[in-house]
Amino acid sequence: MFRRVLDWEQPGIRMLESCHRHLTVTDTEHYLSTCTTDLHAFHFYSRTGGTCYGPVARNIHGID
C-alpha cells in the first residue's frame, strides 16, 4: 500500500533524495510511521502526492 500512495519516481522526490545524498553522503531511508501529519489530507482529500521529510522524532507526545 505504501508504494501506491507515493510515486518514488516523481521529479520532486528524486531531487529531494539527490539533495539529501549530496549533503549527508547517505541514502534516504523510507519507512512507515505510526503517527500522522497534515500530509494525509493532501493524499486522501486532494489526491495530491507528497512526502514528509525531516528529523526522526521519538516519543514526542510522551509524558517524558
PDB file of N, CA and C in Angstrom:
ATOM      1  N   MET A   1       0.812  -1.203   0.000  1.00  0.00           N
ATOM      2  CA  MET A   1       0.000   0.000   0.000  1.00  0.00           C
ATOM      3  C   MET A   1       0.847   1.256   0.000  1.00  0.00           C
ATOM      4  N   PHE A   2       1.920   1.251   0.761  1.00  0.00           N
ATOM      5  CA  PHE A   2       2.757   2.449   0.895  1.00  0.00           C
ATOM      6  C   PHE A   2       3.265   2.921  -0.463  1.00  0.00           C
ATOM      7  N   ARG A   3       3.706   2.028  -1.291  1.00  0.00           N
ATOM      8  CA  ARG A   3       4.243   2.424  -2.589  1.00  0.00           C
ATOM      9  C   ARG A   3       3.157   2.966  -3.508  1.00  0.00           C
ATOM     10  N   ARG A   4       1.909   2.591  -3.306  1.00  0.00           N
ATOM     11  CA  ARG A   4       0.826   3.116  -4.131  1.00  0.00           C
ATOM     12  C   ARG A   4       0.499   4.562  -3.783  1.00  0.00           C
ATOM     13  N   VAL A   5       0.778   4.990  -2.581  1.00  0.00           N
ATOM     14  CA  VAL A   5       0.474   6.356  -2.151  1.00  0.00           C
ATOM     15  C   VAL A   5       1.507   7.337  -2.698  1.00  0.00           C
ATOM     16  N   LEU A   6       2.752   6.922  -2.761  1.00  0.00           N
ATOM     17  CA  LEU A   6       3.827   7.818  -3.186  1.00  0.00           C
ATOM     18  C   LEU A   6       4.563   7.217  -4.372  1.00  0.00           C
ATOM     19  N   ASP A   7       4.689   7.985  -5.427  1.00  0.00           N
ATOM     20  CA  ASP A   7       5.443   7.570  -6.599  1.00  0.00           C
ATOM     21  C   ASP A   7       6.899   7.984  -6.405  1.00  0.00           C
ATOM     22  N   TRP A   8       7.758   7.020  -6.169  1.00  0.00           N
ATOM     23  CA  TRP A   8       9.171   7.293  -5.882  1.00  0.00           C
ATOM     24  C   TRP A   8       9.910   7.870  -7.081  1.00  0.00           C
ATOM     25  N   GLU A   9       9.305   7.812  -8.260  1.00  0.00           N
ATOM     26  CA  GLU A   9       9.960   8.323  -9.465  1.00  0.00           C
ATOM     27  C   GLU A   9       9.585   9.777  -9.774  1.00  0.00           C
ATOM     28  N   GLN A  10       8.767  10.394  -8.954  1.00  0.00           N
ATOM     29  CA  GLN A  10       8.398  11.796  -9.155  1.00  0.00           C
ATOM     30  C   GLN A  10       9.661  12.670  -9.144  1.00  0.00           C
ATOM     31  N   PRO A  11       9.752  13.666 -10.031  1.00  0.00           N
ATOM     32  CA  PRO A  11      10.945  14.523 -10.068  1.00  0.00           C
ATOM     33  C   PRO A  11      11.263  15.193  -8.725  1.00  0.00           C
ATOM     34  N   GLY A  12      10.235  15.623  -7.994  1.00  0.00           N
ATOM     35  CA  GLY A  12      10.482  16.271  -6.701  1.00  0.00           C
ATOM     36  C   GLY A  12      11.073  15.319  -5.673  1.00  0.00           C
ATOM     37  N   ILE A  13      10.609  14.071  -5.697  1.00  0.00           N
ATOM     38  CA  ILE A  13      11.145  13.062  -4.767  1.00  0.00           C
ATOM     39  C   ILE A  13      12.582  12.747  -5.135  1.00  0.00           C
ATOM     40  N   ARG A  14      12.851  12.598  -6.416  1.00  0.00           N
ATOM     41  CA  ARG A  14      14.222  12.326  -6.880  1.00  0.00           C
ATOM     42  C   ARG A  14      15.156  13.479  -6.495  1.00  0.00           C
ATOM     43  N   MET A  15      14.682  14.713  -6.631  1.00  0.00           N
ATOM     44  CA  MET A  15      15.511  15.861  -6.266  1.00  0.00           C
ATOM     45  C   MET A  15      15.786  15.875  -4.765  1.00  0.00           C
ATOM     46  N   LEU A  16      14.761  15.605  -3.967  1.00  0.00           N
ATOM     47  CA  LEU A  16      14.934  15.557  -2.516  1.00  0.00           C
ATOM     48  C   LEU A  16      15.964  14.494  -2.136  1.00  0.00           C
ATOM     49  N   GLU A  17      15.852  13.312  -2.749  1.00  0.00           N
ATOM     50  CA  GLU A  17      16.814  12.246  -2.458  1.00  0.00           C
ATOM     51  C   GLU A  17      18.228  12.634  -2.900  1.00  0.00           C
ATOM     52  N   SER A  18      18.335  13.295  -4.034  1.00  0.00           N
ATOM     53  CA  SER A  18      19.636  13.736  -4.524  1.00  0.00           C
ATOM     54  C   SER A  18      20.267  14.768  -3.597  1.00  0.00           C
ATOM     55  N   CYS A  19      19.474  15.734  -3.146  1.00  0.00           N
ATOM     56  CA  CYS A  19      19.982  16.753  -2.206  1.00  0.00           C
ATOM     57  C   CYS A  19      20.404  16.114  -0.892  1.00  0.00           C
ATOM     58  N   HIS A  20      19.593  15.198  -0.392  1.00  0.00           N
ATOM     59  CA  HIS A  20      19.923  14.501   0.851  1.00  0.00           C
ATOM     60  C   HIS A  20      21.247  13.754   0.705  1.00  0.00           C
ATOM     61  N   ARG A  21      21.390  13.029  -0.387  1.00  0.00           N
ATOM     62  CA  ARG A  21      22.606  12.250  -0.642  1.00  0.00           C
ATOM     63  C   ARG A  21      23.812  13.177  -0.749  1.00  0.00           C
ATOM     64  N   HIS A  22      23.660  14.314  -1.430  1.00  0.00           N
ATOM     65  CA  HIS A  22      24.755  15.270  -1.598  1.00  0.00           C
ATOM     66  C   HIS A  22      25.197  15.867  -0.251  1.00  0.00           C
ATOM     67  N   LEU A  23      24.232  16.182   0.598  1.00  0.00           N
ATOM     68  CA  LEU A  23      24.547  16.835   1.874  1.00  0.00           C
ATOM     69  C   LEU A  23      25.008  15.875   2.962  1.00  0.00           C
ATOM     70  N   THR A  24      24.498  14.639   2.948  1.00  0.00           N
ATOM     71  CA  THR A  24      24.796  13.712   4.051  1.00  0.00           C
ATOM     72  C   THR A  24      25.655  12.526   3.641  1.00  0.00           C
ATOM     73  N   VAL A  25      25.861  12.350   2.351  1.00  0.00           N
ATOM     74  CA  VAL A  25      26.606  11.209   1.802  1.00  0.00           C
ATOM     75  C   VAL A  25      25.974   9.883   2.248  1.00  0.00           C
ATOM     76  N   THR A  26      24.655   9.888   2.408  1.00  0.00           N
ATOM     77  CA  THR A  26      23.904   8.675   2.730  1.00  0.00           C
ATOM     78  C   THR A  26      22.629   8.670   1.898  1.00  0.00           C
ATOM     79  N   ASP A  27      22.078   7.489   1.696  1.00  0.00           N
ATOM     80  CA  ASP A  27      20.794   7.384   1.008  1.00  0.00           C
ATOM     81  C   ASP A  27      19.663   7.711   1.962  1.00  0.00           C
ATOM     82  N   THR A  28      18.544   8.148   1.419  1.00  0.00           N
ATOM     83  CA  THR A  28      17.373   8.399   2.258  1.00  0.00           C
ATOM     84  C   THR A  28      16.810   7.072   2.751  1.00  0.00           C
ATOM     85  N   GLU A  29      16.162   7.112   3.892  1.00  0.00           N
ATOM     86  CA  GLU A  29      15.507   5.929   4.447  1.00  0.00           C
ATOM     87  C   GLU A  29      14.002   6.096   4.270  1.00  0.00           C
ATOM     88  N   HIS A  30      13.366   5.085   3.732  1.00  0.00           N
ATOM     89  CA  HIS A  30      11.915   5.099   3.568  1.00  0.00           C
ATOM     90  C   HIS A  30      11.321   4.226   4.655  1.00  0.00           C
ATOM     91  N   TYR A  31      10.383   4.753   5.401  1.00  0.00           N
ATOM     92  CA  TYR A  31       9.747   3.943   6.438  1.00  0.00           C
ATOM     93  C   TYR A  31       8.332   4.438   6.691  1.00  0.00           C
ATOM     94  N   LEU A  32       7.528   3.558   7.211  1.00  0.00           N
ATOM     95  CA  LEU A  32       6.167   3.903   7.618  1.00  0.00           C
ATOM     96  C   LEU A  32       6.203   4.377   9.064  1.00  0.00           C
ATOM     97  N   SER A  33       5.385   5.330   9.369  1.00  0.00           N
ATOM     98  CA  SER A  33       5.329   5.872  10.719  1.00  0.00           C
ATOM     99  C   SER A  33       3.948   5.608  11.318  1.00  0.00           C
ATOM    100  N   THR A  34       3.910   5.397  12.609  1.00  0.00           N
ATOM    101  CA  THR A  34       2.631   5.145  13.275  1.00  0.00           C
ATOM    102  C   THR A  34       1.911   6.440  13.637  1.00  0.00           C
ATOM    103  N   CYS A  35       2.538   7.560  13.383  1.00  0.00           N
ATOM    104  CA  CYS A  35       1.881   8.844  13.656  1.00  0.00           C
ATOM    105  C   CYS A  35       1.362   9.412  12.338  1.00  0.00           C
ATOM    106  N   THR A  36       0.789  10.568  12.395  1.00  0.00           N
ATOM    107  CA  THR A  36       0.267  11.187  11.176  1.00  0.00           C
ATOM    108  C   THR A  36       0.647  12.663  11.149  1.00  0.00           C
ATOM    109  N   THR A  37       0.654  13.209   9.962  1.00  0.00           N
ATOM    110  CA  THR A  37       0.878  14.646   9.775  1.00  0.00           C
ATOM    111  C   THR A  37      -0.279  15.170   8.929  1.00  0.00           C
ATOM    112  N   ASP A  38      -0.262  16.432   8.634  1.00  0.00           N
ATOM    113  CA  ASP A  38      -1.284  17.002   7.754  1.00  0.00           C
ATOM    114  C   ASP A  38      -1.151  16.487   6.327  1.00  0.00           C
ATOM    115  N   LEU A  39      -0.084  15.797   6.028  1.00  0.00           N
ATOM    116  CA  LEU A  39       0.137  15.266   4.697  1.00  0.00           C
ATOM    117  C   LEU A  39      -0.985  14.323   4.261  1.00  0.00           C
ATOM    118  N   HIS A  40      -1.587  13.636   5.220  1.00  0.00           N
ATOM    119  CA  HIS A  40      -2.668  12.710   4.847  1.00  0.00           C
ATOM    120  C   HIS A  40      -3.823  13.448   4.165  1.00  0.00           C
ATOM    121  N   ALA A  41      -4.027  14.697   4.498  1.00  0.00           N
ATOM    122  CA  ALA A  41      -5.101  15.472   3.868  1.00  0.00           C
ATOM    123  C   ALA A  41      -4.825  15.662   2.377  1.00  0.00           C
ATOM    124  N   PHE A  42      -3.570  15.875   2.008  1.00  0.00           N
ATOM    125  CA  PHE A  42      -3.225  16.017   0.595  1.00  0.00           C
ATOM    126  C   PHE A  42      -3.453  14.709  -0.158  1.00  0.00           C
ATOM    127  N   HIS A  43      -3.033  13.609   0.445  1.00  0.00           N
ATOM    128  CA  HIS A  43      -3.168  12.305  -0.211  1.00  0.00           C
ATOM    129  C   HIS A  43      -4.620  11.900  -0.404  1.00  0.00           C
ATOM    130  N   PHE A  44      -5.409  12.032   0.626  1.00  0.00           N
ATOM    131  CA  PHE A  44      -6.746  11.457   0.604  1.00  0.00           C
ATOM    132  C   PHE A  44      -7.861  12.419   0.185  1.00  0.00           C
ATOM    133  N   TYR A  45      -7.669  13.705   0.409  1.00  0.00           N
ATOM    134  CA  TYR A  45      -8.740  14.643   0.064  1.00  0.00           C
ATOM    135  C   TYR A  45      -8.465  15.412  -1.221  1.00  0.00           C
ATOM    136  N   SER A  46      -7.221  15.724  -1.480  1.00  0.00           N
ATOM    137  CA  SER A  46      -6.887  16.476  -2.692  1.00  0.00           C
ATOM    138  C   SER A  46      -6.311  15.591  -3.786  1.00  0.00           C
ATOM    139  N   ARG A  47      -6.020  14.333  -3.451  1.00  0.00           N
ATOM    140  CA  ARG A  47      -5.406  13.404  -4.409  1.00  0.00           C
ATOM    141  C   ARG A  47      -4.083  13.956  -4.931  1.00  0.00           C
ATOM    142  N   THR A  48      -3.349  14.631  -4.045  1.00  0.00           N
ATOM    143  CA  THR A  48      -2.056  15.215  -4.370  1.00  0.00           C
ATOM    144  C   THR A  48      -0.973  14.436  -3.648  1.00  0.00           C
ATOM    145  N   GLY A  49       0.073  14.086  -4.355  1.00  0.00           N
ATOM    146  CA  GLY A  49       1.178  13.355  -3.736  1.00  0.00           C
ATOM    147  C   GLY A  49       2.057  14.266  -2.909  1.00  0.00           C
ATOM    148  N   GLY A  50       2.824  13.676  -2.050  1.00  0.00           N
ATOM    149  CA  GLY A  50       3.756  14.432  -1.227  1.00  0.00           C
ATOM    150  C   GLY A  50       4.506  13.492  -0.319  1.00  0.00           C
ATOM    151  N   THR A  51       5.445  14.033   0.396  1.00  0.00           N
ATOM    152  CA  THR A  51       6.216  13.237   1.342  1.00  0.00           C
ATOM    153  C   THR A  51       6.510  14.073   2.571  1.00  0.00           C
ATOM    154  N   CYS A  52       6.866  13.419   3.628  1.00  0.00           N
ATOM    155  CA  CYS A  52       7.230  14.096   4.871  1.00  0.00           C
ATOM    156  C   CYS A  52       8.711  13.828   5.101  1.00  0.00           C
ATOM    157  N   TYR A  53       9.511  14.862   5.095  1.00  0.00           N
ATOM    158  CA  TYR A  53      10.960  14.731   5.227  1.00  0.00           C
ATOM    159  C   TYR A  53      11.406  15.551   6.421  1.00  0.00           C
ATOM    160  N   GLY A  54      12.229  14.981   7.248  1.00  0.00           N
ATOM    161  CA  GLY A  54      12.733  15.750   8.375  1.00  0.00           C
ATOM    162  C   GLY A  54      13.356  14.877   9.434  1.00  0.00           C
ATOM    163  N   PRO A  55      13.615  15.447  10.591  1.00  0.00           N
ATOM    164  CA  PRO A  55      14.285  14.701  11.657  1.00  0.00           C
ATOM    165  C   PRO A  55      13.397  13.580  12.184  1.00  0.00           C
ATOM    166  N   VAL A  56      14.035  12.587  12.744  1.00  0.00           N
ATOM    167  CA  VAL A  56      13.300  11.484  13.352  1.00  0.00           C
ATOM    168  C   VAL A  56      12.969  11.890  14.785  1.00  0.00           C
ATOM    169  N   ALA A  57      11.711  11.843  15.127  1.00  0.00           N
ATOM    170  CA  ALA A  57      11.282  12.191  16.481  1.00  0.00           C
ATOM    171  C   ALA A  57      10.841  10.918  17.189  1.00  0.00           C
ATOM    172  N   ARG A  58      11.222  10.790  18.439  1.00  0.00           N
ATOM    173  CA  ARG A  58      10.822   9.627  19.222  1.00  0.00           C
ATOM    174  C   ARG A  58      10.118  10.114  20.493  1.00  0.00           C
ATOM    175  N   ASN A  59       8.995   9.504  20.771  1.00  0.00           N
ATOM    176  CA  ASN A  59       8.228   9.819  21.989  1.00  0.00           C
ATOM    177  C   ASN A  59       7.886  11.305  22.092  1.00  0.00           C
ATOM    178  N   ILE A  60       7.561  11.925  20.966  1.00  0.00           N
ATOM    179  CA  ILE A  60       7.329  13.373  21.005  1.00  0.00           C
ATOM    180  C   ILE A  60       6.045  13.764  21.710  1.00  0.00           C
ATOM    181  N   HIS A  61       5.127  12.822  21.854  1.00  0.00           N
ATOM    182  CA  HIS A  61       3.898  13.103  22.566  1.00  0.00           C
ATOM    183  C   HIS A  61       3.834  12.359  23.902  1.00  0.00           C
ATOM    184  N   GLY A  62       4.977  11.858  24.326  1.00  0.00           N
ATOM    185  CA  GLY A  62       5.025  11.137  25.597  1.00  0.00           C
ATOM    186  C   GLY A  62       5.112  12.069  26.775  1.00  0.00           C
ATOM    187  N   ILE A  63       4.897  11.532  27.951  1.00  0.00           N
ATOM    188  CA  ILE A  63       4.935  12.371  29.160  1.00  0.00           C
ATOM    189  C   ILE A  63       6.351  12.750  29.573  1.00  0.00           C
ATOM    190  N   ASP A  64       7.342  12.069  29.046  1.00  0.00           N
ATOM    191  CA  ASP A  64       8.718  12.373  29.415  1.00  0.00           C
ATOM    192  C   ASP A  64       9.394  13.249  28.380  1.00  0.00           C
TER     193      ASP A  64
END
